[in-house]
Amino acid sequence: MEGSIRSRRRVAMGTLIPRLLLLVFAGDVVMRMERVDRLSFRAWEPLTAYRPPGAAFEPNRRFESGRSYGDLAAMANLPALREYRPERFTTDDLGFRNRADPAGRPPAAIMVGDSFVVGSGVTDDDTVTSRLGALSGCRVYNAGGVEPHPDRILALARRVGLEGNLVIHQYAEEYEMPVVPTERRRFTQRALAWLSPRIGGAAGRARGLLEVSPLEILSQRALKRLEDGRLLPNRYAGRVVRGTLVNGDPILFLAYFVQKFQTPREAPTDYWRWLQRELGKGGLDLVVVVVPSKYRVYRPFLAEPPPTPAAAVDDYTDRVQEELRRAGIPVIDLTPALSSAAAHDLQENRYLYWRDDIHWNPRGTEVAAAAIREGLGDRLRCARGAIAANRPSTR
């Protein structure tokens, strides 16, 4: 009798588990039909989930949230240190972060680079390209978020009707110096530059359906609620370094960069020479903007003494600027402007970077845009349809 009961239980379990797995699979498939906007803490994830191959973001999309927060607080699972803020993120028909220009003006410059150009964590009006446009009176096209290969930049310049000949390439010191791509990589970039929007859109949607799982996102979120350092150990906390500023406010830094901050790094110019030469073939001029890390800017204002004396810190941004100038490449180093503004604003408990993120806040983009505008001088010109420069901010 007992053996019969055990046998029936084994049979029941043998059918229950496959049914549960099938139910989970079916639920996962159904949930993938919905976009992940409501499950995302910022715009970056949902707008990259279904982007066409090689595109920065999904074209013609808009993300709005009143409770976005920083990438460092998210990756370290530190909800108590989140800085909630509104975020409005709009993409154009090419998949870049640009709103339609009311006056229909052609761009006077294209700005390429990483998430600092894109403007992660700020609204459309507060990206560095938007603020640079407001300060200069010229439209600056935001092409951040993709590999800035010359073939793609030249093709983009033609598609957007670039009025001038200026390409501003932002480089953040957190990342390794770019290298000259192989010919195979260049062929790929040429193909992406001419990819049909219809084909690219279909491919992006298909990839998103396969790779993005709302059920997985919900499961990870539930697990992080348990791994909060109280119920279960927080295994994510080591991804960031938590500091305390001299005014007592907490601030987060990217752990891997803090660890390598004191390590001397090479500052080769091969890539920049190559890029300048290739863009020049198409009549475009290159200016490089060097962005210091958040740790470099705020390290002098930490309450607890850093492990390495200031005299021993690697002067990487200075050397990058020096090597670029020596190579004949125009360069603007934002380190002095950001460091000076950070020291001034700290007295009023204001900041240039989000304390829970590696990126600039609106104040930071304003300072960066002003320094870029000053450094460009008369390189940034717009002959047709210019708006009044230095107009008051409408924010």
Protein backbone atom coordinates (compact mmCIF):
# COMPACT_ATOMS: atom_id res chain seq x y z
CA MET A 1 0.00 0.00 0.00
CA GLU A 2 2.73 2.45 1.01
CA GLY A 3 4.68 1.53 -2.11
CA SER A 4 1.63 2.28 -4.25
CA ILE A 5 1.23 5.72 -2.62
CA ARG A 6 4.90 6.53 -3.16
CA SER A 7 4.60 5.43 -6.76
CA ARG A 8 1.59 7.69 -7.34
CA ARG A 9 3.45 10.59 -5.74
CA ARG A 10 6.40 10.07 -8.04
CA VAL A 11 4.08 10.00 -11.03
CA ALA A 12 2.34 13.19 -9.85
CA MET A 13 5.62 14.97 -9.34
CA GLY A 14 6.84 13.71 -12.67
CA THR A 15 3.90 15.39 -14.42
CA LEU A 16 3.73 18.49 -12.18
CA ILE A 17 7.27 19.69 -12.81
CA PRO A 18 7.00 19.58 -16.62
CA ARG A 19 3.65 21.37 -16.40
CA LEU A 20 5.14 24.10 -14.21
CA LEU A 21 8.06 24.50 -16.60
CA LEU A 22 5.68 24.70 -19.54
CA LEU A 23 3.60 27.31 -17.71
CA VAL A 24 6.70 29.40 -16.97
CA PHE A 25 7.82 29.10 -20.58
CA ALA A 26 4.40 30.16 -21.86
CA GLY A 27 4.32 33.09 -19.44
CA ASP A 28 7.77 34.19 -20.54
CA VAL A 29 6.75 34.10 -24.22
CA VAL A 30 3.58 36.14 -23.56
CA MET A 31 5.42 38.72 -21.45
CA ARG A 32 8.00 39.27 -24.20
CA MET A 33 5.27 40.78 -26.35
CA GLU A 34 5.22 43.81 -24.04
CA ARG A 35 8.00 46.38 -23.92
CA VAL A 36 10.05 46.67 -20.77
CA ASP A 37 9.57 50.41 -20.19
CA ARG A 38 7.60 49.94 -16.98
CA LEU A 39 10.21 47.52 -15.63
CA SER A 40 13.16 49.83 -16.26
CA PHE A 41 14.72 52.29 -13.81
CA ARG A 42 15.99 54.57 -16.61
CA ALA A 43 15.67 55.06 -20.37
CA TRP A 44 18.84 53.32 -21.49
CA GLU A 45 17.66 49.71 -21.13
CA PRO A 46 14.24 49.88 -22.86
CA LEU A 47 15.51 52.07 -25.69
CA THR A 48 18.44 49.76 -26.45
CA ALA A 49 16.44 46.55 -26.09
CA TYR A 50 14.97 46.61 -29.62
CA ARG A 51 17.42 48.86 -31.45
CA PRO A 52 18.42 47.99 -35.03
CA PRO A 53 21.88 46.45 -35.53
CA GLY A 54 24.55 49.09 -35.05
CA ALA A 55 22.08 51.78 -33.96
CA ALA A 56 22.40 53.67 -30.70
CA PHE A 57 18.72 53.33 -29.73
CA GLU A 58 15.38 52.33 -31.12
CA PRO A 59 14.25 55.05 -33.57
CA ASN A 60 11.30 57.35 -32.97
CA ARG A 61 10.82 56.41 -29.34
CA ARG A 62 10.12 58.39 -26.20
CA PHE A 63 10.67 57.30 -22.62
CA GLU A 64 9.37 59.26 -19.64
CA SER A 65 9.72 58.57 -15.95
CA GLY A 66 9.46 60.62 -12.81
CA ARG A 67 11.53 58.19 -10.74
CA SER A 68 14.68 57.36 -12.67
CA TYR A 69 17.81 56.77 -10.62
CA GLY A 70 21.51 56.08 -11.07
CA ASP A 71 23.39 53.16 -12.55
CA LEU A 72 25.74 52.81 -9.57
CA ALA A 73 22.89 52.50 -7.06
CA ALA A 74 21.27 49.95 -9.37
CA MET A 75 24.32 47.78 -10.02
CA ALA A 76 25.30 47.75 -6.31
CA ASN A 77 21.71 47.14 -5.11
CA LEU A 78 21.72 50.17 -2.78
CA PRO A 79 18.15 51.55 -2.88
CA ALA A 80 18.78 53.83 0.10
CA LEU A 81 21.30 55.81 -1.96
CA ARG A 82 19.13 56.38 -5.02
CA GLU A 83 18.61 59.94 -6.24
CA TYR A 84 15.22 59.96 -7.91
CA ARG A 85 14.76 62.41 -10.79
CA PRO A 86 12.58 62.91 -13.86
CA GLU A 87 13.86 61.66 -17.20
CA ARG A 88 12.52 62.36 -20.66
CA PHE A 89 14.42 60.65 -23.49
CA THR A 90 13.50 61.12 -27.17
CA THR A 91 15.08 59.51 -30.24
CA ASP A 92 14.91 60.57 -33.89
CA ASP A 93 14.30 58.43 -36.99
CA LEU A 94 17.99 57.44 -37.09
CA GLY A 95 17.98 56.14 -33.53
CA PHE A 96 19.97 58.98 -31.96
CA ARG A 97 18.88 61.18 -29.06
CA ASN A 98 17.59 64.24 -30.87
CA ARG A 99 14.25 66.00 -30.92
CA ALA A 100 13.01 67.65 -34.10
CA ASP A 101 14.35 71.17 -34.47
CA PRO A 102 11.41 73.63 -34.54
CA ALA A 103 13.18 75.90 -37.03
CA GLY A 104 14.31 73.02 -39.23
CA ARG A 105 17.94 74.13 -38.98
CA PRO A 106 20.72 71.84 -40.23
CA PRO A 107 23.29 70.87 -37.61
CA ALA A 108 26.51 72.88 -37.49
CA ALA A 109 28.39 70.05 -35.77
CA ILE A 110 28.08 66.36 -34.92
CA MET A 111 29.06 65.15 -31.46
CA VAL A 112 30.03 61.50 -31.05
CA GLY A 113 31.07 59.47 -28.04
CA ASP A 114 29.61 57.40 -25.22
CA SER A 115 26.86 57.86 -22.63
CA PHE A 116 28.15 61.29 -21.60
CA VAL A 117 27.23 62.59 -25.06
CA VAL A 118 23.92 60.71 -25.02
CA GLY A 119 23.07 62.23 -21.65
CA SER A 120 22.27 59.26 -19.44
CA GLY A 121 20.17 60.34 -16.46
CA VAL A 122 19.07 63.77 -17.71
CA THR A 123 16.16 65.04 -19.77
CA ASP A 124 16.33 65.99 -23.45
CA ASP A 125 16.91 69.67 -22.64
CA ASP A 126 19.89 68.89 -20.40
CA THR A 127 22.14 66.83 -22.65
CA VAL A 128 25.53 68.36 -23.39
CA THR A 129 24.56 68.81 -27.06
CA SER A 130 21.34 70.61 -26.12
CA ARG A 131 23.17 72.93 -23.74
CA LEU A 132 25.98 73.53 -26.26
CA GLY A 133 23.37 74.41 -28.86
CA ALA A 134 21.68 76.85 -26.50
CA LEU A 135 24.99 78.52 -25.64
CA SER A 136 26.28 78.77 -29.20
CA GLY A 137 23.08 79.46 -31.10
CA CYS A 138 23.92 76.55 -33.42
CA ARG A 139 22.29 73.16 -33.66
CA VAL A 140 24.58 70.34 -32.51
CA TYR A 141 23.58 66.81 -33.54
CA ASN A 142 23.78 64.19 -30.78
CA ALA A 143 25.32 61.05 -32.34
CA GLY A 144 26.40 59.48 -29.07
CA GLY A 145 26.00 55.80 -28.34
CA VAL A 146 27.65 54.09 -31.33
CA GLU A 147 31.21 53.36 -32.37
CA PRO A 148 32.36 56.60 -34.05
CA HIS A 149 33.98 55.12 -37.13
CA PRO A 150 34.67 57.62 -39.93
CA ASP A 151 32.59 55.74 -42.49
CA ARG A 152 29.52 56.03 -40.28
CA ILE A 153 30.23 59.66 -39.36
CA LEU A 154 30.61 60.66 -43.01
CA ALA A 155 27.42 58.85 -43.94
CA LEU A 156 25.60 60.47 -41.01
CA ALA A 157 26.86 63.93 -42.01
CA ARG A 158 25.27 63.47 -45.42
CA ARG A 159 21.99 62.14 -44.04
CA VAL A 160 21.48 64.97 -41.53
CA GLY A 161 22.66 67.68 -43.92
CA LEU A 162 25.59 68.83 -41.80
CA GLU A 163 26.03 72.55 -42.42
CA GLY A 164 29.54 72.88 -41.04
CA ASN A 165 32.47 70.50 -41.02
CA LEU A 166 32.95 69.95 -37.29
CA VAL A 167 33.01 66.57 -35.53
CA ILE A 168 33.37 66.69 -31.73
CA HIS A 169 34.54 63.38 -30.31
CA GLN A 170 34.06 63.00 -26.55
CA TYR A 171 36.37 60.54 -24.76
CA ALA A 172 35.83 59.55 -21.10
CA GLU A 173 38.88 58.45 -19.13
CA GLU A 174 37.04 55.49 -17.56
CA TYR A 175 37.37 53.69 -20.89
CA GLU A 176 40.43 52.34 -22.61
CA MET A 177 41.85 54.36 -25.46
CA PRO A 178 40.19 53.39 -28.78
CA VAL A 179 42.26 51.54 -31.36
CA VAL A 180 42.34 51.63 -35.13
CA PRO A 181 39.81 49.05 -36.37
CA THR A 182 40.66 46.18 -38.64
CA GLU A 183 39.57 46.28 -42.27
CA ARG A 184 36.94 43.66 -41.46
CA ARG A 185 35.54 45.93 -38.76
CA ARG A 186 35.49 48.85 -41.15
CA PHE A 187 33.56 46.76 -43.69
CA THR A 188 30.99 45.99 -40.99
CA GLN A 189 30.64 49.68 -40.13
CA ARG A 190 30.14 50.60 -43.80
CA ALA A 191 27.40 48.00 -44.09
CA LEU A 192 25.67 49.29 -40.96
CA ALA A 193 25.85 52.85 -42.28
CA TRP A 194 23.77 51.88 -45.30
CA LEU A 195 21.46 49.34 -43.67
CA SER A 196 17.83 49.80 -44.66
CA PRO A 197 15.78 51.22 -41.75
CA ARG A 198 13.01 48.70 -42.42
CA ILE A 199 15.36 45.71 -42.32
CA GLY A 200 17.24 47.11 -39.34
CA GLY A 201 14.04 47.76 -37.41
CA ALA A 202 12.76 44.22 -38.01
CA ALA A 203 16.10 42.73 -36.98
CA GLY A 204 16.19 44.83 -33.82
CA ARG A 205 12.69 43.85 -32.81
CA ALA A 206 13.42 40.16 -33.41
CA ARG A 207 16.63 40.32 -31.39
CA GLY A 208 14.83 42.08 -28.54
CA LEU A 209 12.14 39.40 -28.42
CA LEU A 210 14.80 36.72 -28.18
CA GLU A 211 17.15 38.41 -25.71
CA VAL A 212 14.96 40.57 -23.44
CA SER A 213 12.87 38.68 -20.89
CA PRO A 214 10.53 40.67 -18.61
CA LEU A 215 10.13 37.56 -16.48
CA GLU A 216 13.88 37.42 -15.94
CA ILE A 217 13.92 41.12 -15.01
CA LEU A 218 11.16 40.59 -12.45
CA SER A 219 12.94 37.54 -11.03
CA GLN A 220 16.21 39.44 -10.66
CA ARG A 221 14.40 42.34 -9.01
CA ALA A 222 12.74 39.99 -6.50
CA LEU A 223 16.07 38.36 -5.72
CA LYS A 224 17.71 41.74 -5.13
CA ARG A 225 15.00 42.59 -2.61
CA LEU A 226 16.11 39.58 -0.62
CA GLU A 227 19.82 40.24 -1.08
CA ASP A 228 19.62 43.58 0.70
CA GLY A 229 22.40 43.01 3.22
CA ARG A 230 19.93 42.16 5.98
CA LEU A 231 17.97 39.10 4.89
CA LEU A 232 20.77 37.87 2.63
CA PRO A 233 24.25 39.23 1.92
CA ASN A 234 24.39 41.90 -0.79
CA ARG A 235 26.66 40.27 -3.37
CA TYR A 236 26.45 43.33 -5.63
CA ALA A 237 27.86 45.90 -3.20
CA GLY A 238 31.47 45.29 -4.26
CA ARG A 239 30.78 46.78 -7.67
CA VAL A 240 30.96 50.29 -6.27
CA VAL A 241 33.01 52.22 -3.73
CA ARG A 242 31.05 54.30 -1.27
CA GLY A 243 32.71 57.53 -0.19
CA THR A 244 31.78 60.38 2.10
CA LEU A 245 32.36 63.97 1.06
CA VAL A 246 33.67 66.65 3.42
CA ASN A 247 30.13 67.97 3.84
CA GLY A 248 28.97 64.54 5.05
CA ASP A 249 27.03 63.51 1.93
CA PRO A 250 27.55 59.97 0.59
CA ILE A 251 28.79 59.49 -2.97
CA LEU A 252 29.31 56.38 -5.11
CA PHE A 253 32.15 55.57 -7.51
CA LEU A 254 32.73 52.74 -9.97
CA ALA A 255 34.88 50.21 -8.09
CA TYR A 256 36.97 48.91 -10.97
CA PHE A 257 38.05 52.42 -11.93
CA VAL A 258 38.91 53.43 -8.37
CA GLN A 259 41.10 50.33 -8.16
CA LYS A 260 43.02 51.17 -11.33
CA PHE A 261 43.07 54.95 -10.80
CA GLN A 262 46.63 54.97 -9.48
CA THR A 263 47.93 52.71 -12.26
CA PRO A 264 49.83 54.63 -14.94
CA ARG A 265 48.20 54.27 -18.36
CA GLU A 266 49.53 54.82 -21.84
CA ALA A 267 48.05 57.63 -23.93
CA PRO A 268 48.67 56.56 -27.55
CA THR A 269 47.43 58.78 -30.38
CA ASP A 270 47.35 56.24 -33.24
CA TYR A 271 43.55 56.07 -33.28
CA TRP A 272 43.10 59.83 -33.18
CA ARG A 273 45.61 60.43 -35.97
CA TRP A 274 43.85 57.84 -38.10
CA LEU A 275 40.40 59.25 -37.36
CA GLN A 276 41.50 62.81 -38.11
CA ARG A 277 43.01 61.68 -41.42
CA GLU A 278 39.95 59.66 -42.48
CA LEU A 279 37.49 62.41 -41.57
CA GLY A 280 39.65 64.94 -43.37
CA LYS A 281 39.25 62.96 -46.59
CA GLY A 282 35.55 63.80 -46.36
CA GLY A 283 36.13 67.44 -45.50
CA LEU A 284 35.42 67.11 -41.77
CA ASP A 285 37.50 68.50 -38.90
CA LEU A 286 38.01 66.67 -35.61
CA VAL A 287 38.07 68.09 -32.08
CA VAL A 288 38.54 65.77 -29.09
CA VAL A 289 36.89 66.47 -25.72
CA VAL A 290 38.45 64.68 -22.73
CA VAL A 291 36.05 63.93 -19.85
CA PRO A 292 37.56 63.20 -16.41
CA SER A 293 36.09 60.52 -14.22
CA LYS A 294 33.81 61.37 -11.36
CA TYR A 295 36.44 59.94 -8.99
CA ARG A 296 39.14 62.27 -10.35
CA VAL A 297 36.89 65.29 -9.87
CA TYR A 298 35.65 64.46 -6.35
CA ARG A 299 38.62 62.57 -4.90
CA PRO A 300 40.12 65.77 -3.38
CA PHE A 301 36.86 66.42 -1.51
CA LEU A 302 36.50 63.05 0.22
CA ALA A 303 36.38 63.14 4.02
CA GLU A 304 38.38 59.95 4.48
CA PRO A 305 41.96 60.18 3.17
CA PRO A 306 42.45 58.38 -0.15
CA PRO A 307 44.94 55.48 0.05
CA THR A 308 47.40 57.18 -2.33
CA PRO A 309 48.77 60.72 -1.92
CA ALA A 310 47.71 63.25 -4.53
CA ALA A 311 51.29 63.57 -5.76
CA ALA A 312 51.29 59.89 -6.76
CA VAL A 313 48.03 59.99 -8.73
CA ASP A 314 48.34 59.31 -12.46
CA ASP A 315 47.87 62.52 -14.45
CA TYR A 316 46.19 60.63 -17.27
CA THR A 317 43.90 63.38 -18.59
CA ASP A 318 46.81 65.83 -18.68
CA ARG A 319 48.91 63.40 -20.66
CA VAL A 320 46.09 62.62 -23.08
CA GLN A 321 45.69 66.32 -23.75
CA GLU A 322 49.44 66.81 -24.17
CA GLU A 323 49.82 63.88 -26.58
CA LEU A 324 46.87 64.99 -28.70
CA ARG A 325 48.22 68.53 -28.98
CA ARG A 326 51.62 67.15 -29.90
CA ALA A 327 49.94 65.14 -32.66
CA GLY A 328 48.29 68.28 -34.02
CA ILE A 329 44.78 67.29 -32.93
CA PRO A 330 42.62 70.02 -31.32
CA VAL A 331 41.64 68.96 -27.80
CA ILE A 332 39.53 70.34 -24.95
CA ASP A 333 40.22 68.88 -21.49
CA LEU A 334 37.21 69.36 -19.21
CA THR A 335 39.14 68.47 -16.05
CA PRO A 336 40.00 72.06 -14.98
CA ALA A 337 36.49 73.41 -15.56
CA LEU A 338 34.74 70.52 -13.82
CA SER A 339 37.18 70.42 -10.89
CA SER A 340 36.87 74.17 -10.31
CA ALA A 341 33.06 74.09 -10.51
CA ALA A 342 32.91 71.05 -8.21
CA ALA A 343 34.96 72.86 -5.54
CA HIS A 344 32.75 75.95 -5.78
CA ASP A 345 29.43 74.09 -5.81
CA LEU A 346 30.36 71.80 -2.93
CA GLN A 347 30.21 74.81 -0.61
CA GLU A 348 26.50 75.02 -1.45
CA ASN A 349 25.97 71.23 -1.35
CA ARG A 350 25.54 71.10 -5.13
CA TYR A 351 27.14 68.60 -7.47
CA LEU A 352 28.08 68.10 -11.11
CA TYR A 353 27.62 64.34 -11.22
CA TRP A 354 24.71 62.40 -9.82
CA ARG A 355 25.91 60.97 -6.51
CA ASP A 356 24.38 57.57 -7.41
CA ASP A 357 25.63 57.52 -11.02
CA ILE A 358 28.83 57.93 -13.04
CA HIS A 359 27.22 60.60 -15.26
CA TRP A 360 26.69 64.34 -15.12
CA ASN A 361 23.53 65.88 -13.72
CA PRO A 362 22.05 69.00 -15.43
CA ARG A 363 24.52 71.26 -13.63
CA GLY A 364 27.40 69.12 -14.89
CA THR A 365 26.26 69.22 -18.51
CA GLU A 366 25.91 72.99 -18.24
CA VAL A 367 29.49 73.38 -17.01
CA ALA A 368 30.79 70.92 -19.62
CA ALA A 369 28.92 72.65 -22.46
CA ALA A 370 30.25 76.06 -21.43
CA ALA A 371 33.83 74.74 -21.36
CA ILE A 372 33.39 73.11 -24.77
CA ARG A 373 31.88 76.29 -26.22
CA GLU A 374 34.81 78.32 -24.96
CA GLY A 375 37.34 75.79 -26.20
CA LEU A 376 35.84 75.59 -29.68
CA GLY A 377 36.09 79.32 -30.27
CA ASP A 378 35.12 80.13 -33.85
CA ARG A 379 35.22 76.49 -34.96
CA LEU A 380 31.50 76.18 -34.20
CA ARG A 381 29.71 78.30 -36.79
CA CYS A 382 26.20 78.21 -38.21
CA ALA A 383 25.52 80.48 -41.17
CA ARG A 384 21.83 79.76 -41.66
CA GLY A 385 18.99 79.82 -39.18
CA ALA A 386 21.07 80.52 -36.10
CA ILE A 387 19.25 81.34 -32.90
CA ALA A 388 20.40 83.92 -30.37
CA ALA A 389 23.49 82.67 -28.56
CA ASN A 390 23.70 82.65 -24.78
CA ARG A 391 19.94 82.79 -24.47
CA PRO A 392 18.58 82.31 -20.96
CA SER A 393 17.80 78.75 -19.98
CA THR A 394 14.10 77.85 -20.05
CA ARG A 395 14.46 75.14 -17.44
